[in-house]
Amino acid sequence: MPDIVFAILFFFMVTTTMRSEELLVRVKVPTASEVQKLEKKSLVTYINIGPPLDMRLGTGTQMQLNDRFAHVTEIQDYIAQEKASMNEADQPLMTVSIKADEDTRMQYITEVKQALRQAYALKISYSARTGEN
């Protein structure tokens, strides 16, 4: 019996991935009335947008790709790198989730969407929390 328990424990230790990304921006997602969960989280690539948590870095809007701040011009390289790390069959199913602070200006979101369009990342979702009608 202990062998089975340790075998199962070892299996979960090997197959589980831990979140390695630390948020560098404040993201208070807006509320929405129609919210759906994403099915396969392994196919989701996140772009975090908001003011930096460290006030020494300023108060303006910043974009975080993985564990670093980035400019909109770096999105194409980021998407290409994320697609390269995926299985070839899963690449067309990749979804980009934009987690933007509710105070982010729509002009910045539009610039990000244009860069995603140029990178051929056409499946985009917006993170939101369930709100009241």
N, C-alpha and C. Protein backbone atom coordinates (compact mmCIF):
# COMPACT_ATOMS: atom_id res chain seq x y z
N MET A 1 0.81 -1.20 0.00
CA MET A 1 0.00 0.00 0.00
C MET A 1 0.86 1.28 0.00
N PRO A 2 1.92 1.37 0.80
CA PRO A 2 2.74 2.58 0.76
C PRO A 2 3.41 2.79 -0.61
N ASP A 3 3.70 1.69 -1.31
CA ASP A 3 4.31 1.83 -2.63
C ASP A 3 3.36 2.53 -3.59
N ILE A 4 2.09 2.20 -3.52
CA ILE A 4 1.10 2.81 -4.40
C ILE A 4 0.96 4.30 -4.08
N VAL A 5 0.93 4.63 -2.81
CA VAL A 5 0.81 6.03 -2.40
C VAL A 5 2.01 6.83 -2.90
N PHE A 6 3.22 6.30 -2.73
CA PHE A 6 4.40 7.02 -3.19
C PHE A 6 4.46 7.10 -4.72
N ALA A 7 3.97 6.08 -5.41
CA ALA A 7 3.94 6.12 -6.87
C ALA A 7 2.99 7.22 -7.36
N ILE A 8 1.83 7.34 -6.73
CA ILE A 8 0.87 8.38 -7.11
C ILE A 8 1.43 9.76 -6.75
N LEU A 9 2.03 9.87 -5.59
CA LEU A 9 2.63 11.14 -5.18
C LEU A 9 3.73 11.56 -6.15
N PHE A 10 4.57 10.62 -6.54
CA PHE A 10 5.64 10.91 -7.49
C PHE A 10 5.07 11.34 -8.84
N PHE A 11 4.00 10.67 -9.29
CA PHE A 11 3.36 11.02 -10.56
C PHE A 11 2.89 12.48 -10.53
N PHE A 12 2.21 12.89 -9.47
CA PHE A 12 1.71 14.26 -9.40
C PHE A 12 2.84 15.27 -9.26
N MET A 13 3.90 14.90 -8.60
CA MET A 13 5.04 15.80 -8.48
C MET A 13 5.70 16.04 -9.84
N VAL A 14 5.73 15.03 -10.68
CA VAL A 14 6.36 15.14 -11.98
C VAL A 14 5.47 15.89 -12.97
N THR A 15 4.17 15.66 -12.93
CA THR A 15 3.28 16.23 -13.94
C THR A 15 2.74 17.61 -13.60
N THR A 16 2.83 18.04 -12.37
CA THR A 16 2.30 19.34 -11.97
C THR A 16 3.31 20.44 -12.28
N THR A 17 2.81 21.53 -12.84
CA THR A 17 3.66 22.68 -13.08
C THR A 17 3.25 23.79 -12.12
N MET A 18 4.23 24.46 -11.59
CA MET A 18 3.97 25.55 -10.66
C MET A 18 3.97 26.87 -11.43
N ARG A 19 3.23 27.82 -10.94
CA ARG A 19 3.21 29.13 -11.56
C ARG A 19 4.55 29.81 -11.28
N SER A 20 5.25 30.15 -12.35
CA SER A 20 6.58 30.73 -12.20
C SER A 20 6.59 32.23 -12.43
N GLU A 21 5.46 32.77 -12.80
CA GLU A 21 5.39 34.19 -13.12
C GLU A 21 4.90 34.98 -11.92
N GLU A 22 5.62 36.04 -11.61
CA GLU A 22 5.23 36.92 -10.52
C GLU A 22 4.71 38.22 -11.11
N LEU A 23 3.55 38.67 -10.64
CA LEU A 23 2.96 39.89 -11.17
C LEU A 23 3.79 41.11 -10.77
N LEU A 24 4.11 41.93 -11.77
CA LEU A 24 4.85 43.16 -11.55
C LEU A 24 3.95 44.38 -11.71
N VAL A 25 2.72 44.16 -12.19
CA VAL A 25 1.77 45.25 -12.39
C VAL A 25 0.50 44.98 -11.58
N ARG A 26 -0.19 46.06 -11.22
CA ARG A 26 -1.46 45.92 -10.50
C ARG A 26 -2.54 45.68 -11.53
N VAL A 27 -3.27 44.58 -11.36
CA VAL A 27 -4.33 44.24 -12.29
C VAL A 27 -5.61 44.02 -11.49
N LYS A 28 -6.51 44.98 -11.55
CA LYS A 28 -7.85 44.83 -11.00
C LYS A 28 -8.76 44.71 -12.21
N VAL A 29 -9.13 43.48 -12.54
CA VAL A 29 -9.88 43.25 -13.78
C VAL A 29 -11.28 43.82 -13.66
N PRO A 30 -11.82 44.31 -14.76
CA PRO A 30 -13.17 44.88 -14.73
C PRO A 30 -14.23 43.80 -14.57
N THR A 31 -15.44 44.21 -14.27
CA THR A 31 -16.55 43.26 -14.13
C THR A 31 -17.25 43.09 -15.47
N ALA A 32 -17.86 41.94 -15.64
CA ALA A 32 -18.61 41.64 -16.86
C ALA A 32 -19.82 40.79 -16.51
N SER A 33 -20.85 40.87 -17.33
CA SER A 33 -22.06 40.11 -17.04
C SER A 33 -22.01 38.71 -17.66
N GLU A 34 -21.31 38.56 -18.77
CA GLU A 34 -21.21 37.26 -19.45
C GLU A 34 -19.76 36.79 -19.40
N VAL A 35 -19.44 35.91 -18.46
CA VAL A 35 -18.08 35.44 -18.26
C VAL A 35 -18.03 33.94 -18.51
N GLN A 36 -17.02 33.50 -19.26
CA GLN A 36 -16.80 32.07 -19.51
C GLN A 36 -15.39 31.72 -19.10
N LYS A 37 -15.23 30.49 -18.58
CA LYS A 37 -13.89 30.01 -18.23
C LYS A 37 -13.20 29.48 -19.48
N LEU A 38 -11.89 29.67 -19.52
CA LEU A 38 -11.10 29.10 -20.61
C LEU A 38 -10.89 27.62 -20.33
N GLU A 39 -11.01 26.80 -21.36
CA GLU A 39 -10.95 25.36 -21.20
C GLU A 39 -9.54 24.85 -20.91
N LYS A 40 -8.64 25.03 -21.85
CA LYS A 40 -7.28 24.49 -21.72
C LYS A 40 -6.34 25.62 -21.35
N LYS A 41 -6.00 25.70 -20.07
CA LYS A 41 -5.13 26.78 -19.61
C LYS A 41 -3.71 26.64 -20.13
N SER A 42 -3.32 25.44 -20.56
CA SER A 42 -1.97 25.26 -21.09
C SER A 42 -1.81 25.94 -22.45
N LEU A 43 -2.92 26.24 -23.12
CA LEU A 43 -2.87 26.90 -24.43
C LEU A 43 -3.06 28.42 -24.32
N VAL A 44 -3.09 28.93 -23.10
CA VAL A 44 -3.34 30.36 -22.89
C VAL A 44 -2.03 31.07 -22.58
N THR A 45 -1.81 32.17 -23.27
CA THR A 45 -0.66 33.04 -23.04
C THR A 45 -1.20 34.35 -22.48
N TYR A 46 -0.61 34.81 -21.37
CA TYR A 46 -1.14 35.98 -20.68
C TYR A 46 -0.30 37.23 -20.97
N ILE A 47 -1.00 38.35 -21.15
CA ILE A 47 -0.38 39.67 -21.23
C ILE A 47 -1.02 40.49 -20.12
N ASN A 48 -0.22 40.94 -19.16
CA ASN A 48 -0.71 41.72 -18.03
C ASN A 48 -0.42 43.19 -18.28
N ILE A 49 -1.45 44.04 -18.11
CA ILE A 49 -1.32 45.47 -18.37
C ILE A 49 -1.88 46.24 -17.18
N GLY A 50 -1.10 47.20 -16.69
CA GLY A 50 -1.55 48.03 -15.58
C GLY A 50 -0.41 48.85 -15.03
N PRO A 51 -0.69 49.61 -13.98
CA PRO A 51 0.39 50.39 -13.36
C PRO A 51 1.31 49.47 -12.56
N PRO A 52 2.61 49.78 -12.49
CA PRO A 52 3.54 48.91 -11.76
C PRO A 52 3.24 48.90 -10.26
N LEU A 53 3.50 47.74 -9.64
CA LEU A 53 3.31 47.62 -8.19
C LEU A 53 4.34 48.44 -7.43
N ASP A 54 5.55 48.54 -7.96
CA ASP A 54 6.61 49.32 -7.33
C ASP A 54 6.48 50.77 -7.81
N MET A 55 6.14 51.66 -6.91
CA MET A 55 5.90 53.06 -7.27
C MET A 55 7.16 53.75 -7.79
N ARG A 56 8.34 53.20 -7.53
CA ARG A 56 9.58 53.79 -8.03
C ARG A 56 9.68 53.67 -9.55
N LEU A 57 8.89 52.76 -10.14
CA LEU A 57 8.93 52.56 -11.59
C LEU A 57 7.96 53.46 -12.32
N GLY A 58 7.25 54.30 -11.60
CA GLY A 58 6.31 55.23 -12.22
C GLY A 58 4.87 54.85 -11.93
N THR A 59 3.98 55.65 -12.47
CA THR A 59 2.56 55.40 -12.27
C THR A 59 1.83 55.15 -13.58
N GLY A 60 2.54 55.23 -14.70
CA GLY A 60 1.92 55.03 -16.00
C GLY A 60 1.66 53.56 -16.28
N THR A 61 0.97 53.31 -17.35
CA THR A 61 0.62 51.94 -17.74
C THR A 61 1.86 51.20 -18.24
N GLN A 62 2.05 50.00 -17.74
CA GLN A 62 3.15 49.13 -18.16
C GLN A 62 2.56 47.79 -18.62
N MET A 63 3.30 47.11 -19.47
CA MET A 63 2.88 45.79 -19.93
C MET A 63 3.91 44.76 -19.46
N GLN A 64 3.41 43.65 -18.95
CA GLN A 64 4.29 42.58 -18.47
C GLN A 64 4.11 41.36 -19.35
N LEU A 65 5.23 40.88 -19.89
CA LEU A 65 5.28 39.63 -20.64
C LEU A 65 6.19 38.70 -19.87
N ASN A 66 5.66 37.59 -19.39
CA ASN A 66 6.36 36.68 -18.50
C ASN A 66 6.79 37.43 -17.25
N ASP A 67 8.07 37.49 -16.94
CA ASP A 67 8.55 38.11 -15.70
C ASP A 67 9.23 39.45 -15.90
N ARG A 68 8.91 40.15 -16.98
CA ARG A 68 9.59 41.42 -17.22
C ARG A 68 8.64 42.39 -17.91
N PHE A 69 8.97 43.68 -17.76
CA PHE A 69 8.23 44.72 -18.45
C PHE A 69 8.64 44.71 -19.91
N ALA A 70 7.71 45.08 -20.79
CA ALA A 70 7.99 45.07 -22.22
C ALA A 70 7.22 46.20 -22.89
N HIS A 71 7.61 46.50 -24.12
CA HIS A 71 6.92 47.48 -24.95
C HIS A 71 6.04 46.74 -25.95
N VAL A 72 5.12 47.46 -26.53
CA VAL A 72 4.20 46.86 -27.50
C VAL A 72 4.97 46.28 -28.69
N THR A 73 6.10 46.86 -29.03
CA THR A 73 6.88 46.39 -30.17
C THR A 73 7.48 45.00 -29.94
N GLU A 74 7.53 44.55 -28.69
CA GLU A 74 8.11 43.25 -28.37
C GLU A 74 7.09 42.11 -28.41
N ILE A 75 5.84 42.41 -28.68
CA ILE A 75 4.80 41.39 -28.64
C ILE A 75 5.00 40.33 -29.71
N GLN A 76 5.39 40.73 -30.91
CA GLN A 76 5.56 39.76 -32.00
C GLN A 76 6.61 38.70 -31.64
N ASP A 77 7.73 39.13 -31.09
CA ASP A 77 8.77 38.18 -30.69
C ASP A 77 8.27 37.27 -29.56
N TYR A 78 7.52 37.84 -28.63
CA TYR A 78 6.98 37.08 -27.50
C TYR A 78 6.01 36.00 -27.99
N ILE A 79 5.12 36.36 -28.91
CA ILE A 79 4.15 35.39 -29.44
C ILE A 79 4.87 34.30 -30.23
N ALA A 80 5.87 34.67 -31.01
CA ALA A 80 6.63 33.67 -31.77
C ALA A 80 7.34 32.70 -30.82
N GLN A 81 7.89 33.23 -29.73
CA GLN A 81 8.57 32.38 -28.74
C GLN A 81 7.58 31.44 -28.04
N GLU A 82 6.40 31.95 -27.70
CA GLU A 82 5.38 31.12 -27.05
C GLU A 82 4.88 30.03 -27.99
N LYS A 83 4.67 30.36 -29.26
CA LYS A 83 4.23 29.35 -30.23
C LYS A 83 5.30 28.29 -30.44
N ALA A 84 6.56 28.69 -30.45
CA ALA A 84 7.65 27.74 -30.65
C ALA A 84 7.75 26.76 -29.49
N SER A 85 7.35 27.17 -28.30
CA SER A 85 7.43 26.28 -27.15
C SER A 85 6.24 25.32 -27.07
N MET A 86 5.24 25.51 -27.93
CA MET A 86 4.06 24.63 -27.93
C MET A 86 4.22 23.50 -28.93
N ASN A 87 3.39 22.51 -28.75
CA ASN A 87 3.28 21.42 -29.70
C ASN A 87 2.72 22.00 -31.01
N GLU A 88 3.18 21.50 -32.14
CA GLU A 88 2.77 22.04 -33.43
C GLU A 88 1.26 21.93 -33.65
N ALA A 89 0.65 20.88 -33.16
CA ALA A 89 -0.80 20.71 -33.32
C ALA A 89 -1.58 21.70 -32.46
N ASP A 90 -0.99 22.16 -31.36
CA ASP A 90 -1.68 23.09 -30.46
C ASP A 90 -1.50 24.55 -30.83
N GLN A 91 -0.58 24.86 -31.72
CA GLN A 91 -0.29 26.25 -32.05
C GLN A 91 -1.50 27.01 -32.60
N PRO A 92 -2.33 26.42 -33.48
CA PRO A 92 -3.51 27.17 -33.94
C PRO A 92 -4.55 27.39 -32.84
N LEU A 93 -4.48 26.62 -31.77
CA LEU A 93 -5.45 26.73 -30.68
C LEU A 93 -5.01 27.71 -29.59
N MET A 94 -3.84 28.32 -29.74
CA MET A 94 -3.33 29.24 -28.73
C MET A 94 -4.25 30.45 -28.58
N THR A 95 -4.54 30.79 -27.33
CA THR A 95 -5.35 31.95 -27.01
C THR A 95 -4.50 32.94 -26.21
N VAL A 96 -4.61 34.21 -26.54
CA VAL A 96 -3.91 35.25 -25.78
C VAL A 96 -4.95 35.90 -24.87
N SER A 97 -4.68 35.87 -23.58
CA SER A 97 -5.58 36.48 -22.61
C SER A 97 -4.98 37.80 -22.14
N ILE A 98 -5.72 38.87 -22.35
CA ILE A 98 -5.27 40.19 -21.92
C ILE A 98 -5.88 40.45 -20.54
N LYS A 99 -5.00 40.55 -19.55
CA LYS A 99 -5.42 40.89 -18.19
C LYS A 99 -5.04 42.34 -17.97
N ALA A 100 -6.01 43.22 -18.14
CA ALA A 100 -5.74 44.66 -18.04
C ALA A 100 -6.45 45.23 -16.83
N ASP A 101 -5.79 46.18 -16.19
CA ASP A 101 -6.38 46.90 -15.08
C ASP A 101 -7.59 47.69 -15.60
N GLU A 102 -8.60 47.84 -14.76
CA GLU A 102 -9.82 48.50 -15.21
C GLU A 102 -9.61 49.98 -15.55
N ASP A 103 -8.51 50.58 -15.10
CA ASP A 103 -8.24 51.98 -15.40
C ASP A 103 -7.33 52.17 -16.62
N THR A 104 -6.99 51.10 -17.31
CA THR A 104 -6.14 51.18 -18.49
C THR A 104 -6.91 51.84 -19.64
N ARG A 105 -6.24 52.74 -20.33
CA ARG A 105 -6.89 53.43 -21.45
C ARG A 105 -7.06 52.48 -22.63
N MET A 106 -8.18 52.61 -23.33
CA MET A 106 -8.49 51.72 -24.45
C MET A 106 -7.50 51.89 -25.60
N GLN A 107 -6.86 53.04 -25.72
CA GLN A 107 -5.87 53.25 -26.76
C GLN A 107 -4.70 52.27 -26.60
N TYR A 108 -4.28 52.02 -25.37
CA TYR A 108 -3.19 51.08 -25.11
C TYR A 108 -3.61 49.66 -25.47
N ILE A 109 -4.84 49.29 -25.13
CA ILE A 109 -5.36 47.96 -25.46
C ILE A 109 -5.43 47.79 -26.98
N THR A 110 -5.83 48.84 -27.69
CA THR A 110 -5.91 48.79 -29.15
C THR A 110 -4.52 48.59 -29.76
N GLU A 111 -3.51 49.25 -29.22
CA GLU A 111 -2.14 49.06 -29.72
C GLU A 111 -1.68 47.62 -29.50
N VAL A 112 -2.02 47.04 -28.36
CA VAL A 112 -1.67 45.64 -28.09
C VAL A 112 -2.39 44.72 -29.06
N LYS A 113 -3.67 44.99 -29.31
CA LYS A 113 -4.43 44.16 -30.26
C LYS A 113 -3.87 44.24 -31.67
N GLN A 114 -3.42 45.43 -32.08
CA GLN A 114 -2.82 45.58 -33.41
C GLN A 114 -1.53 44.78 -33.51
N ALA A 115 -0.72 44.80 -32.46
CA ALA A 115 0.52 44.03 -32.45
C ALA A 115 0.22 42.53 -32.47
N LEU A 116 -0.82 42.10 -31.77
CA LEU A 116 -1.21 40.69 -31.80
C LEU A 116 -1.70 40.29 -33.18
N ARG A 117 -2.39 41.18 -33.84
CA ARG A 117 -2.86 40.90 -35.21
C ARG A 117 -1.68 40.72 -36.14
N GLN A 118 -0.64 41.56 -36.00
CA GLN A 118 0.55 41.44 -36.84
C GLN A 118 1.31 40.15 -36.54
N ALA A 119 1.18 39.63 -35.33
CA ALA A 119 1.85 38.38 -34.95
C ALA A 119 0.99 37.16 -35.27
N TYR A 120 -0.16 37.35 -35.89
CA TYR A 120 -1.11 36.29 -36.23
C TYR A 120 -1.60 35.55 -35.00
N ALA A 121 -1.76 36.26 -33.92
CA ALA A 121 -2.40 35.71 -32.71
C ALA A 121 -3.80 36.29 -32.70
N LEU A 122 -4.72 35.59 -33.34
CA LEU A 122 -6.04 36.14 -33.59
C LEU A 122 -7.09 35.72 -32.56
N LYS A 123 -6.78 34.76 -31.71
CA LYS A 123 -7.70 34.36 -30.64
C LYS A 123 -7.34 35.15 -29.39
N ILE A 124 -8.19 36.09 -29.04
CA ILE A 124 -7.93 36.97 -27.90
C ILE A 124 -9.09 36.88 -26.93
N SER A 125 -8.77 36.79 -25.66
CA SER A 125 -9.80 36.86 -24.62
C SER A 125 -9.41 37.94 -23.63
N TYR A 126 -10.40 38.47 -22.96
CA TYR A 126 -10.18 39.51 -21.96
C TYR A 126 -10.56 38.95 -20.60
N SER A 127 -9.67 39.07 -19.65
CA SER A 127 -9.97 38.59 -18.30
C SER A 127 -10.91 39.55 -17.61
N ALA A 128 -11.91 38.99 -16.93
CA ALA A 128 -12.88 39.80 -16.21
C ALA A 128 -13.40 38.98 -15.04
N ARG A 129 -13.99 39.66 -14.08
CA ARG A 129 -14.63 38.97 -12.97
C ARG A 129 -16.15 39.11 -13.13
N THR A 130 -16.87 38.19 -12.58
CA THR A 130 -18.33 38.22 -12.68
C THR A 130 -18.86 39.38 -11.87
N GLY A 131 -19.73 40.15 -12.49
CA GLY A 131 -20.29 41.31 -11.82
C GLY A 131 -21.81 41.26 -11.82
N GLU A 132 -22.40 42.21 -11.14
CA GLU A 132 -23.85 42.31 -11.05
C GLU A 132 -24.37 43.03 -12.27
N ASN A 133 -25.60 42.74 -12.64
CA ASN A 133 -26.24 43.41 -13.79
C ASN A 133 -26.69 44.79 -13.42
